[in-house]
C-alpha cells in the first residue's frame, strides 16, 4: 500500500532517470532505469509488465557491460515469472542468474537466487530439490553473516519439510527461525 500511494511520484522519478540516461547517452543508466521500471511494475502487482520489460533491460545491461544490473534484472524476471506460475521459464532465468552471481563471486545474491529457485521447486511439488537448494543457501548465509537471509532460508526449509510430511524436521528449522525473527524484530 505504501508503494501504491507513491506511484505517480515514482513514475515521475523513472521518467527523469530516462531523460538523464538519454542526455548522457549511457546504456548503463538506461539499463538501471529499465530495471527500476520493471521492479516498480512487479512491486505494484503487475508481474506481466515486469516480465515484458525485463528482456530489454537485460539487453541494455549486457550492452553496457553492467553485470550487476544484469543480475538484478535476471532476479526480478525470475521472480515475476514465478509469480505468474511460469515455473520452467523462471527456473531457466534463475539458473542463468545463479551462474552469473557465482561468476561474479556475489554469494549473497547467489543465496537469494537459490531461495527463489527453491520457492519455485516447492510450488511445483519438488520439495527434495528445494531442500537441497535451501541447505546450500543456508550455508552461504551463515558464512556471510546475513541473518535476514538465514532466517528466510530456515523458514523455507521448514516449509519444504512440511511439504514432505516430516513435521519434526520442519520444527527443527522453524524454531531457530522464530528465535531469529525475534532478534531481527520481525513480527511475521
N, C-alpha and C. Protein backbone atom coordinates (compact mmCIF):
# COMPACT_ATOMS: atom_id res chain seq x y z
N UNK A 1 0.82 -1.20 0.00
CA UNK A 1 0.00 0.00 0.00
C UNK A 1 0.85 1.25 0.00
N UNK A 2 1.97 1.20 0.73
CA UNK A 2 2.85 2.35 0.77
C UNK A 2 3.35 2.70 -0.64
N UNK A 3 3.70 1.67 -1.43
CA UNK A 3 4.16 1.91 -2.79
C UNK A 3 3.04 2.46 -3.66
N UNK A 4 1.83 1.94 -3.48
CA UNK A 4 0.72 2.38 -4.31
C UNK A 4 0.43 3.86 -4.10
N UNK A 5 0.65 4.38 -2.91
CA UNK A 5 0.38 5.78 -2.66
C UNK A 5 1.44 6.68 -3.29
N UNK A 6 2.55 6.10 -3.74
CA UNK A 6 3.63 6.88 -4.32
C UNK A 6 3.86 6.57 -5.79
N UNK A 7 2.90 5.92 -6.45
CA UNK A 7 3.10 5.50 -7.84
C UNK A 7 3.36 6.69 -8.77
N UNK A 8 2.62 7.77 -8.62
CA UNK A 8 2.80 8.93 -9.50
C UNK A 8 4.19 9.54 -9.29
N UNK A 9 4.60 9.64 -8.03
CA UNK A 9 5.93 10.18 -7.72
C UNK A 9 7.02 9.27 -8.29
N UNK A 10 6.82 7.97 -8.13
CA UNK A 10 7.80 7.01 -8.62
C UNK A 10 7.87 7.06 -10.16
N UNK A 11 6.74 7.18 -10.83
CA UNK A 11 6.72 7.26 -12.29
C UNK A 11 7.47 8.51 -12.76
N UNK A 12 7.28 9.62 -12.07
CA UNK A 12 7.99 10.85 -12.43
C UNK A 12 9.50 10.67 -12.25
N UNK A 13 9.90 10.02 -11.16
CA UNK A 13 11.33 9.76 -10.93
C UNK A 13 11.92 8.88 -12.03
N UNK A 14 11.17 7.87 -12.44
CA UNK A 14 11.64 6.99 -13.50
C UNK A 14 11.72 7.73 -14.83
N UNK A 15 10.76 8.59 -15.10
CA UNK A 15 10.81 9.40 -16.31
C UNK A 15 12.04 10.31 -16.31
N UNK A 16 12.34 10.90 -15.16
CA UNK A 16 13.52 11.76 -15.03
C UNK A 16 14.80 10.96 -15.24
N UNK A 17 14.84 9.74 -14.74
CA UNK A 17 16.01 8.88 -14.93
C UNK A 17 16.17 8.53 -16.42
N UNK A 18 15.06 8.30 -17.12
CA UNK A 18 15.12 8.05 -18.57
C UNK A 18 15.70 9.25 -19.31
N UNK A 19 15.25 10.45 -18.95
CA UNK A 19 15.74 11.68 -19.59
C UNK A 19 17.24 11.82 -19.35
N UNK A 20 17.66 11.57 -18.11
CA UNK A 20 19.09 11.66 -17.78
C UNK A 20 19.90 10.65 -18.58
N UNK A 21 19.42 9.42 -18.68
CA UNK A 21 20.13 8.38 -19.43
C UNK A 21 20.29 8.77 -20.89
N UNK A 22 19.23 9.34 -21.46
CA UNK A 22 19.31 9.77 -22.86
C UNK A 22 20.25 10.96 -23.02
N UNK A 23 20.20 11.89 -22.09
CA UNK A 23 21.09 13.06 -22.16
C UNK A 23 22.55 12.64 -22.07
N UNK A 24 22.81 11.65 -21.26
CA UNK A 24 24.18 11.15 -21.10
C UNK A 24 24.56 10.14 -22.18
N UNK A 25 23.56 9.69 -22.95
CA UNK A 25 23.75 8.62 -23.94
C UNK A 25 24.49 7.45 -23.30
N UNK A 26 23.92 6.96 -22.18
CA UNK A 26 24.58 5.98 -21.33
C UNK A 26 23.72 4.72 -21.18
N UNK A 27 24.17 3.62 -21.80
CA UNK A 27 23.39 2.39 -21.73
C UNK A 27 23.32 1.82 -20.32
N UNK A 28 24.34 2.03 -19.50
CA UNK A 28 24.28 1.54 -18.12
C UNK A 28 23.18 2.26 -17.35
N UNK A 29 23.05 3.56 -17.58
CA UNK A 29 21.99 4.33 -16.93
C UNK A 29 20.63 3.92 -17.50
N UNK A 30 20.57 3.68 -18.81
CA UNK A 30 19.32 3.21 -19.42
C UNK A 30 18.91 1.86 -18.81
N UNK A 31 19.90 0.98 -18.62
CA UNK A 31 19.62 -0.33 -18.05
C UNK A 31 19.10 -0.20 -16.62
N UNK A 32 19.71 0.68 -15.85
CA UNK A 32 19.27 0.91 -14.47
C UNK A 32 17.84 1.43 -14.46
N UNK A 33 17.54 2.37 -15.34
CA UNK A 33 16.18 2.91 -15.43
C UNK A 33 15.19 1.82 -15.82
N UNK A 34 15.57 1.00 -16.79
CA UNK A 34 14.68 -0.08 -17.24
C UNK A 34 14.47 -1.11 -16.12
N UNK A 35 15.53 -1.43 -15.39
CA UNK A 35 15.42 -2.35 -14.25
C UNK A 35 14.47 -1.78 -13.21
N UNK A 36 14.65 -0.53 -12.85
CA UNK A 36 13.80 0.09 -11.82
C UNK A 36 12.34 0.13 -12.26
N UNK A 37 12.13 0.35 -13.55
CA UNK A 37 10.75 0.35 -14.07
C UNK A 37 10.15 -1.05 -13.96
N UNK A 38 10.93 -2.07 -14.30
CA UNK A 38 10.46 -3.46 -14.20
C UNK A 38 10.14 -3.82 -12.76
N UNK A 39 11.02 -3.45 -11.84
CA UNK A 39 10.80 -3.74 -10.42
C UNK A 39 9.58 -3.00 -9.90
N UNK A 40 9.39 -1.77 -10.34
CA UNK A 40 8.22 -1.00 -9.93
C UNK A 40 6.94 -1.67 -10.42
N UNK A 41 6.96 -2.19 -11.63
CA UNK A 41 5.79 -2.90 -12.15
C UNK A 41 5.48 -4.12 -11.29
N UNK A 42 6.52 -4.87 -10.97
CA UNK A 42 6.33 -6.07 -10.14
C UNK A 42 5.81 -5.69 -8.76
N UNK A 43 6.40 -4.67 -8.16
CA UNK A 43 6.02 -4.26 -6.81
C UNK A 43 4.58 -3.74 -6.76
N UNK A 44 4.08 -3.24 -7.89
CA UNK A 44 2.71 -2.74 -7.92
C UNK A 44 1.72 -3.83 -8.32
N UNK A 45 2.20 -5.08 -8.43
CA UNK A 45 1.32 -6.20 -8.73
C UNK A 45 1.22 -6.54 -10.20
N UNK A 46 2.05 -5.92 -11.02
CA UNK A 46 1.99 -6.15 -12.46
C UNK A 46 3.18 -7.03 -12.88
N UNK A 47 3.10 -8.31 -12.51
CA UNK A 47 4.18 -9.24 -12.85
C UNK A 47 4.32 -9.40 -14.36
N UNK A 48 3.21 -9.37 -15.08
CA UNK A 48 3.28 -9.49 -16.55
C UNK A 48 4.04 -8.31 -17.15
N UNK A 49 3.81 -7.12 -16.63
CA UNK A 49 4.54 -5.95 -17.10
C UNK A 49 6.02 -6.06 -16.82
N UNK A 50 6.36 -6.59 -15.65
CA UNK A 50 7.76 -6.80 -15.29
C UNK A 50 8.40 -7.78 -16.27
N UNK A 51 7.73 -8.90 -16.54
CA UNK A 51 8.26 -9.89 -17.47
C UNK A 51 8.47 -9.27 -18.85
N UNK A 52 7.53 -8.46 -19.29
CA UNK A 52 7.64 -7.82 -20.61
C UNK A 52 8.80 -6.83 -20.66
N UNK A 53 9.10 -6.17 -19.54
CA UNK A 53 10.14 -5.14 -19.51
C UNK A 53 11.55 -5.72 -19.37
N UNK A 54 11.67 -6.91 -18.82
CA UNK A 54 12.99 -7.45 -18.48
C UNK A 54 13.90 -7.76 -19.67
N UNK A 55 13.42 -8.31 -20.78
CA UNK A 55 14.36 -8.59 -21.87
C UNK A 55 15.10 -7.35 -22.38
N UNK A 56 14.39 -6.23 -22.53
CA UNK A 56 15.04 -5.01 -22.99
C UNK A 56 16.02 -4.49 -21.94
N UNK A 57 15.64 -4.57 -20.67
CA UNK A 57 16.53 -4.13 -19.60
C UNK A 57 17.79 -4.99 -19.58
N UNK A 58 17.64 -6.28 -19.77
CA UNK A 58 18.79 -7.18 -19.78
C UNK A 58 19.71 -6.89 -20.96
N UNK A 59 19.12 -6.65 -22.12
CA UNK A 59 19.92 -6.32 -23.30
C UNK A 59 20.73 -5.04 -23.08
N UNK A 60 20.10 -4.03 -22.50
CA UNK A 60 20.82 -2.78 -22.21
C UNK A 60 21.96 -3.02 -21.22
N UNK A 61 21.69 -3.79 -20.19
CA UNK A 61 22.72 -4.07 -19.18
C UNK A 61 23.90 -4.82 -19.81
N UNK A 62 23.58 -5.80 -20.62
CA UNK A 62 24.66 -6.57 -21.28
C UNK A 62 25.46 -5.69 -22.23
N UNK A 63 24.77 -4.86 -23.00
CA UNK A 63 25.45 -3.97 -23.94
C UNK A 63 26.38 -3.01 -23.22
N UNK A 64 25.97 -2.59 -22.01
CA UNK A 64 26.78 -1.65 -21.23
C UNK A 64 27.85 -2.36 -20.40
N UNK A 65 27.81 -3.69 -20.36
CA UNK A 65 28.75 -4.43 -19.51
C UNK A 65 28.44 -4.29 -18.03
N UNK A 66 27.21 -3.94 -17.72
CA UNK A 66 26.77 -3.73 -16.33
C UNK A 66 26.26 -5.07 -15.77
N UNK A 67 27.20 -5.91 -15.35
CA UNK A 67 26.85 -7.27 -14.95
C UNK A 67 25.97 -7.32 -13.70
N UNK A 68 26.22 -6.46 -12.75
CA UNK A 68 25.38 -6.48 -11.54
C UNK A 68 23.96 -6.03 -11.85
N UNK A 69 23.81 -5.09 -12.77
CA UNK A 69 22.47 -4.69 -13.19
C UNK A 69 21.81 -5.85 -13.93
N UNK A 70 22.56 -6.52 -14.78
CA UNK A 70 22.02 -7.69 -15.49
C UNK A 70 21.56 -8.75 -14.49
N UNK A 71 22.34 -8.95 -13.45
CA UNK A 71 21.99 -9.91 -12.42
C UNK A 71 20.69 -9.52 -11.72
N UNK A 72 20.52 -8.24 -11.43
CA UNK A 72 19.28 -7.77 -10.80
C UNK A 72 18.09 -7.95 -11.73
N UNK A 73 18.30 -7.74 -13.02
CA UNK A 73 17.23 -7.94 -13.99
C UNK A 73 16.82 -9.42 -14.01
N UNK A 74 17.81 -10.30 -14.05
CA UNK A 74 17.52 -11.74 -14.07
C UNK A 74 16.74 -12.15 -12.82
N UNK A 75 17.13 -11.61 -11.68
CA UNK A 75 16.44 -11.93 -10.43
C UNK A 75 14.99 -11.46 -10.46
N UNK A 76 14.78 -10.22 -10.88
CA UNK A 76 13.41 -9.67 -10.97
C UNK A 76 12.58 -10.47 -11.96
N UNK A 77 13.17 -10.82 -13.08
CA UNK A 77 12.48 -11.55 -14.14
C UNK A 77 12.06 -12.93 -13.65
N UNK A 78 12.99 -13.64 -13.01
CA UNK A 78 12.67 -14.98 -12.49
C UNK A 78 11.55 -14.91 -11.46
N UNK A 79 11.61 -13.91 -10.58
CA UNK A 79 10.56 -13.75 -9.57
C UNK A 79 9.21 -13.46 -10.17
N UNK A 80 9.17 -12.60 -11.18
CA UNK A 80 7.89 -12.27 -11.83
C UNK A 80 7.33 -13.49 -12.57
N UNK A 81 8.19 -14.24 -13.22
CA UNK A 81 7.74 -15.46 -13.89
C UNK A 81 7.17 -16.46 -12.89
N UNK A 82 7.82 -16.58 -11.73
CA UNK A 82 7.34 -17.48 -10.68
C UNK A 82 5.97 -17.01 -10.18
N UNK A 83 5.80 -15.71 -10.01
CA UNK A 83 4.52 -15.15 -9.58
C UNK A 83 3.41 -15.52 -10.55
N UNK A 84 3.75 -15.56 -11.84
CA UNK A 84 2.77 -15.89 -12.88
C UNK A 84 2.57 -17.40 -13.04
N UNK A 85 3.31 -18.19 -12.27
CA UNK A 85 3.19 -19.64 -12.38
C UNK A 85 3.92 -20.22 -13.58
N UNK A 86 4.80 -19.46 -14.17
CA UNK A 86 5.58 -19.91 -15.32
C UNK A 86 6.91 -20.47 -14.80
N UNK A 87 6.82 -21.60 -14.11
CA UNK A 87 7.92 -22.15 -13.33
C UNK A 87 9.12 -22.59 -14.17
N UNK A 88 8.88 -23.21 -15.32
CA UNK A 88 10.01 -23.67 -16.13
C UNK A 88 10.84 -22.49 -16.64
N UNK A 89 10.16 -21.44 -17.09
CA UNK A 89 10.86 -20.24 -17.54
C UNK A 89 11.58 -19.58 -16.38
N UNK A 90 10.91 -19.52 -15.23
CA UNK A 90 11.52 -18.93 -14.04
C UNK A 90 12.79 -19.68 -13.66
N UNK A 91 12.70 -20.98 -13.73
CA UNK A 91 13.86 -21.82 -13.38
C UNK A 91 15.02 -21.56 -14.33
N UNK A 92 14.73 -21.46 -15.61
CA UNK A 92 15.78 -21.20 -16.61
C UNK A 92 16.46 -19.85 -16.34
N UNK A 93 15.66 -18.82 -16.15
CA UNK A 93 16.21 -17.48 -15.90
C UNK A 93 16.94 -17.46 -14.55
N UNK A 94 16.37 -18.13 -13.55
CA UNK A 94 17.02 -18.19 -12.23
C UNK A 94 18.38 -18.85 -12.29
N UNK A 95 18.49 -19.93 -13.06
CA UNK A 95 19.79 -20.61 -13.19
C UNK A 95 20.79 -19.74 -13.95
N UNK A 96 20.31 -18.98 -14.92
CA UNK A 96 21.19 -18.05 -15.64
C UNK A 96 21.73 -17.00 -14.66
N UNK A 97 20.85 -16.48 -13.80
CA UNK A 97 21.28 -15.51 -12.79
C UNK A 97 22.23 -16.14 -11.78
N UNK A 98 21.95 -17.36 -11.39
CA UNK A 98 22.80 -18.07 -10.42
C UNK A 98 24.21 -18.24 -10.98
N UNK A 99 24.32 -18.62 -12.24
CA UNK A 99 25.65 -18.76 -12.86
C UNK A 99 26.38 -17.43 -12.89
N UNK A 100 25.66 -16.34 -13.20
CA UNK A 100 26.29 -15.02 -13.22
C UNK A 100 26.72 -14.60 -11.82
N UNK A 101 25.87 -14.81 -10.83
CA UNK A 101 26.23 -14.45 -9.45
C UNK A 101 27.47 -15.20 -9.00
N UNK A 102 27.55 -16.48 -9.34
CA UNK A 102 28.72 -17.28 -8.97
C UNK A 102 29.97 -16.77 -9.68
N UNK A 103 29.83 -16.41 -10.96
CA UNK A 103 31.00 -15.92 -11.71
C UNK A 103 31.50 -14.59 -11.17
N UNK A 104 30.59 -13.80 -10.58
CA UNK A 104 30.97 -12.51 -10.01
C UNK A 104 31.37 -12.62 -8.55
N UNK A 105 31.20 -13.81 -7.96
CA UNK A 105 31.54 -14.00 -6.55
C UNK A 105 30.59 -13.30 -5.59
N UNK A 106 29.34 -13.16 -5.99
CA UNK A 106 28.34 -12.47 -5.17
C UNK A 106 27.51 -13.50 -4.41
N UNK A 107 28.07 -13.96 -3.30
CA UNK A 107 27.47 -15.06 -2.55
C UNK A 107 26.07 -14.73 -2.04
N UNK A 108 25.85 -13.52 -1.54
CA UNK A 108 24.53 -13.19 -1.00
C UNK A 108 23.46 -13.20 -2.09
N UNK A 109 23.82 -12.72 -3.27
CA UNK A 109 22.87 -12.73 -4.39
C UNK A 109 22.65 -14.18 -4.84
N UNK A 110 23.73 -14.97 -4.83
CA UNK A 110 23.63 -16.39 -5.15
C UNK A 110 22.61 -17.06 -4.21
N UNK A 111 22.71 -16.75 -2.94
CA UNK A 111 21.80 -17.31 -1.95
C UNK A 111 20.36 -16.89 -2.22
N UNK A 112 20.15 -15.63 -2.53
CA UNK A 112 18.80 -15.13 -2.80
C UNK A 112 18.21 -15.81 -4.04
N UNK A 113 19.03 -16.01 -5.08
CA UNK A 113 18.54 -16.68 -6.28
C UNK A 113 18.22 -18.14 -5.99
N UNK A 114 19.04 -18.80 -5.16
CA UNK A 114 18.74 -20.19 -4.80
C UNK A 114 17.44 -20.26 -4.01
N UNK A 115 17.19 -19.27 -3.17
CA UNK A 115 15.93 -19.24 -2.42
C UNK A 115 14.74 -19.12 -3.38
N UNK A 116 14.88 -18.29 -4.40
CA UNK A 116 13.83 -18.17 -5.41
C UNK A 116 13.63 -19.46 -6.19
N UNK A 117 14.72 -20.10 -6.57
CA UNK A 117 14.62 -21.39 -7.27
C UNK A 117 13.95 -22.42 -6.37
N UNK A 118 14.29 -22.40 -5.09
CA UNK A 118 13.68 -23.34 -4.14
C UNK A 118 12.19 -23.08 -3.99
N UNK A 119 11.78 -21.81 -3.99
CA UNK A 119 10.36 -21.50 -3.88
C UNK A 119 9.59 -22.07 -5.07
N UNK A 120 10.15 -21.92 -6.26
CA UNK A 120 9.51 -22.49 -7.44
C UNK A 120 9.45 -24.01 -7.37
N UNK A 121 10.54 -24.62 -6.89
CA UNK A 121 10.56 -26.09 -6.77
C UNK A 121 9.49 -26.55 -5.79
N UNK A 122 9.37 -25.86 -4.66
CA UNK A 122 8.36 -26.23 -3.66
C UNK A 122 6.96 -26.08 -4.24
N UNK A 123 6.72 -24.99 -4.95
CA UNK A 123 5.41 -24.75 -5.54
C UNK A 123 5.06 -25.79 -6.60
N UNK A 124 6.06 -26.41 -7.18
CA UNK A 124 5.84 -27.45 -8.19
C UNK A 124 5.85 -28.84 -7.58
N UNK A 125 5.96 -28.93 -6.25
CA UNK A 125 5.95 -30.24 -5.60
C UNK A 125 7.29 -30.94 -5.60
N UNK A 126 8.36 -30.19 -5.83
CA UNK A 126 9.71 -30.77 -5.84
C UNK A 126 10.44 -30.35 -4.55
N UNK A 127 9.86 -30.75 -3.41
CA UNK A 127 10.39 -30.32 -2.11
C UNK A 127 11.81 -30.81 -1.87
N UNK A 128 12.15 -31.99 -2.34
CA UNK A 128 13.51 -32.51 -2.13
C UNK A 128 14.53 -31.62 -2.83
N UNK A 129 14.23 -31.18 -4.04
CA UNK A 129 15.11 -30.25 -4.76
C UNK A 129 15.22 -28.94 -3.98
N UNK A 130 14.09 -28.46 -3.48
CA UNK A 130 14.08 -27.20 -2.71
C UNK A 130 14.97 -27.33 -1.48
N UNK A 131 14.89 -28.46 -0.80
CA UNK A 131 15.71 -28.66 0.41
C UNK A 131 17.19 -28.60 0.08
N UNK A 132 17.59 -29.20 -1.03
CA UNK A 132 18.99 -29.14 -1.44
C UNK A 132 19.45 -27.71 -1.70
N UNK A 133 18.64 -26.94 -2.43
CA UNK A 133 18.97 -25.54 -2.71
C UNK A 133 19.01 -24.71 -1.43
N UNK A 134 18.04 -24.92 -0.57
CA UNK A 134 17.95 -24.13 0.66
C UNK A 134 19.06 -24.48 1.66
N UNK A 135 19.47 -25.73 1.69
CA UNK A 135 20.56 -26.14 2.57
C UNK A 135 21.85 -25.44 2.13
N UNK A 136 22.07 -25.40 0.82
CA UNK A 136 23.24 -24.69 0.29
C UNK A 136 23.14 -23.19 0.56
N UNK A 137 21.96 -22.64 0.37
CA UNK A 137 21.71 -21.23 0.63
C UNK A 137 21.96 -20.88 2.10
N UNK A 138 21.48 -21.74 2.99
CA UNK A 138 21.66 -21.51 4.42
C UNK A 138 23.14 -21.48 4.79
N UNK A 139 23.92 -22.37 4.21
CA UNK A 139 25.37 -22.39 4.48
C UNK A 139 26.02 -21.08 4.03
N UNK A 140 25.63 -20.59 2.86
CA UNK A 140 26.16 -19.31 2.37
C UNK A 140 25.79 -18.18 3.32
N UNK A 141 24.52 -18.15 3.73
CA UNK A 141 24.05 -17.09 4.62
C UNK A 141 24.78 -17.11 5.96
N UNK A 142 25.03 -18.27 6.47
CA UNK A 142 25.74 -18.38 7.75
C UNK A 142 27.19 -17.92 7.60
N UNK A 143 27.83 -18.28 6.48
CA UNK A 143 29.21 -17.83 6.24
C UNK A 143 29.28 -16.30 6.10
N UNK A 144 28.28 -15.74 5.42
CA UNK A 144 28.31 -14.29 5.18
C UNK A 144 27.78 -13.48 6.36
N UNK A 145 27.12 -14.16 7.31
CA UNK A 145 26.57 -13.46 8.47
C UNK A 145 25.29 -12.70 8.18
N UNK A 146 24.62 -13.03 7.08
CA UNK A 146 23.38 -12.34 6.71
C UNK A 146 22.22 -13.00 7.45
N UNK A 147 21.85 -12.42 8.59
CA UNK A 147 20.81 -13.02 9.43
C UNK A 147 19.44 -13.03 8.76
N UNK A 148 19.12 -12.00 8.02
CA UNK A 148 17.80 -11.95 7.38
C UNK A 148 17.68 -13.06 6.34
N UNK A 149 18.71 -13.26 5.53
CA UNK A 149 18.67 -14.35 4.55
C UNK A 149 18.69 -15.71 5.23
N UNK A 150 19.45 -15.82 6.34
CA UNK A 150 19.48 -17.07 7.09
C UNK A 150 18.09 -17.39 7.62
N UNK A 151 17.44 -16.39 8.16
CA UNK A 151 16.07 -16.54 8.68
C UNK A 151 15.13 -17.03 7.57
N UNK A 152 15.23 -16.40 6.38
CA UNK A 152 14.39 -16.78 5.26
C UNK A 152 14.66 -18.23 4.85
N UNK A 153 15.93 -18.61 4.80
CA UNK A 153 16.27 -19.99 4.43
C UNK A 153 15.70 -20.98 5.44
N UNK A 154 15.80 -20.65 6.72
CA UNK A 154 15.26 -21.55 7.75
C UNK A 154 13.74 -21.71 7.61
N UNK A 155 13.05 -20.60 7.39
CA UNK A 155 11.60 -20.66 7.20
C UNK A 155 11.24 -21.52 5.99
N UNK A 156 11.95 -21.30 4.89
CA UNK A 156 11.65 -22.04 3.67
C UNK A 156 12.01 -23.52 3.82
N UNK A 157 13.09 -23.81 4.56
CA UNK A 157 13.42 -25.21 4.82
C UNK A 157 12.31 -25.88 5.63
N UNK A 158 11.82 -25.20 6.65
CA UNK A 158 10.71 -25.74 7.43
C UNK A 158 9.50 -26.01 6.55
N UNK A 159 9.20 -25.07 5.67
CA UNK A 159 8.07 -25.24 4.76
C UNK A 159 8.27 -26.44 3.83
N UNK A 160 9.47 -26.57 3.29
CA UNK A 160 9.74 -27.70 2.38
C UNK A 160 9.61 -29.03 3.11
N UNK A 161 10.11 -29.10 4.35
CA UNK A 161 9.98 -30.35 5.11
C UNK A 161 8.52 -30.64 5.43
N UNK A 162 7.74 -29.59 5.66
CA UNK A 162 6.29 -29.80 5.88
C UNK A 162 5.64 -30.39 4.64
N UNK A 163 6.06 -29.92 3.46
CA UNK A 163 5.51 -30.47 2.22
C UNK A 163 5.82 -31.96 2.08
N UNK A 164 6.94 -32.38 2.67
CA UNK A 164 7.29 -33.80 2.63
C UNK A 164 6.63 -34.58 3.77
N UNK A 165 5.96 -33.86 4.68
CA UNK A 165 5.26 -34.51 5.78
C UNK A 165 6.13 -34.82 6.99
N UNK A 166 7.34 -34.28 7.02
CA UNK A 166 8.24 -34.53 8.15
C UNK A 166 8.16 -33.34 9.11
N UNK A 167 7.22 -33.41 10.03
CA UNK A 167 6.97 -32.28 10.93
C UNK A 167 8.10 -32.08 11.92
N UNK A 168 8.77 -33.14 12.35
CA UNK A 168 9.89 -33.00 13.28
C UNK A 168 11.03 -32.22 12.62
N UNK A 169 11.32 -32.55 11.37
CA UNK A 169 12.40 -31.84 10.65
C UNK A 169 11.96 -30.40 10.37
N UNK A 170 10.70 -30.20 10.06
CA UNK A 170 10.19 -28.84 9.85
C UNK A 170 10.37 -28.01 11.11
N UNK A 171 10.00 -28.57 12.24
CA UNK A 171 10.14 -27.87 13.52
C UNK A 171 11.61 -27.53 13.80
N UNK A 172 12.51 -28.43 13.42
CA UNK A 172 13.95 -28.20 13.63
C UNK A 172 14.43 -26.93 12.91
N UNK A 173 13.72 -26.52 11.89
CA UNK A 173 14.07 -25.29 11.18
C UNK A 173 13.20 -24.10 11.61
N UNK A 174 11.94 -24.38 11.92
CA UNK A 174 11.05 -23.29 12.32
C UNK A 174 11.44 -22.69 13.68
N UNK A 175 11.87 -23.52 14.62
CA UNK A 175 12.19 -23.00 15.96
C UNK A 175 13.34 -21.98 15.94
N UNK A 176 14.48 -22.28 15.29
CA UNK A 176 15.52 -21.25 15.22
C UNK A 176 15.08 -20.04 14.39
N UNK A 177 14.23 -20.27 13.40
CA UNK A 177 13.72 -19.14 12.61
C UNK A 177 12.90 -18.21 13.48
N UNK A 178 12.10 -18.77 14.37
CA UNK A 178 11.30 -17.95 15.28
C UNK A 178 12.19 -17.15 16.22
N UNK A 179 13.21 -17.79 16.78
CA UNK A 179 14.16 -17.07 17.65
C UNK A 179 14.85 -15.94 16.88
N UNK A 180 15.23 -16.24 15.65
CA UNK A 180 15.91 -15.26 14.82
C UNK A 180 14.96 -14.09 14.48
N UNK A 181 13.68 -14.39 14.23
CA UNK A 181 12.71 -13.33 13.94
C UNK A 181 12.63 -12.35 15.11
N UNK A 182 12.68 -12.89 16.31
CA UNK A 182 12.64 -12.02 17.49
C UNK A 182 13.88 -11.14 17.56
N UNK A 183 15.03 -11.71 17.24
CA UNK A 183 16.27 -10.95 17.25
C UNK A 183 16.23 -9.84 16.19
N UNK A 184 15.68 -10.18 15.04
CA UNK A 184 15.60 -9.22 13.94
C UNK A 184 14.48 -8.20 14.12
N UNK A 185 13.59 -8.47 15.07
CA UNK A 185 12.48 -7.56 15.30
C UNK A 185 11.35 -7.72 14.31
N UNK A 186 11.30 -8.87 13.64
CA UNK A 186 10.24 -9.13 12.68
C UNK A 186 9.09 -9.86 13.36
N UNK A 187 7.90 -9.40 13.14
CA UNK A 187 6.73 -10.00 13.81
C UNK A 187 6.03 -11.04 12.96
N UNK A 188 6.62 -11.40 11.85
CA UNK A 188 5.97 -12.37 10.93
C UNK A 188 5.77 -13.71 11.57
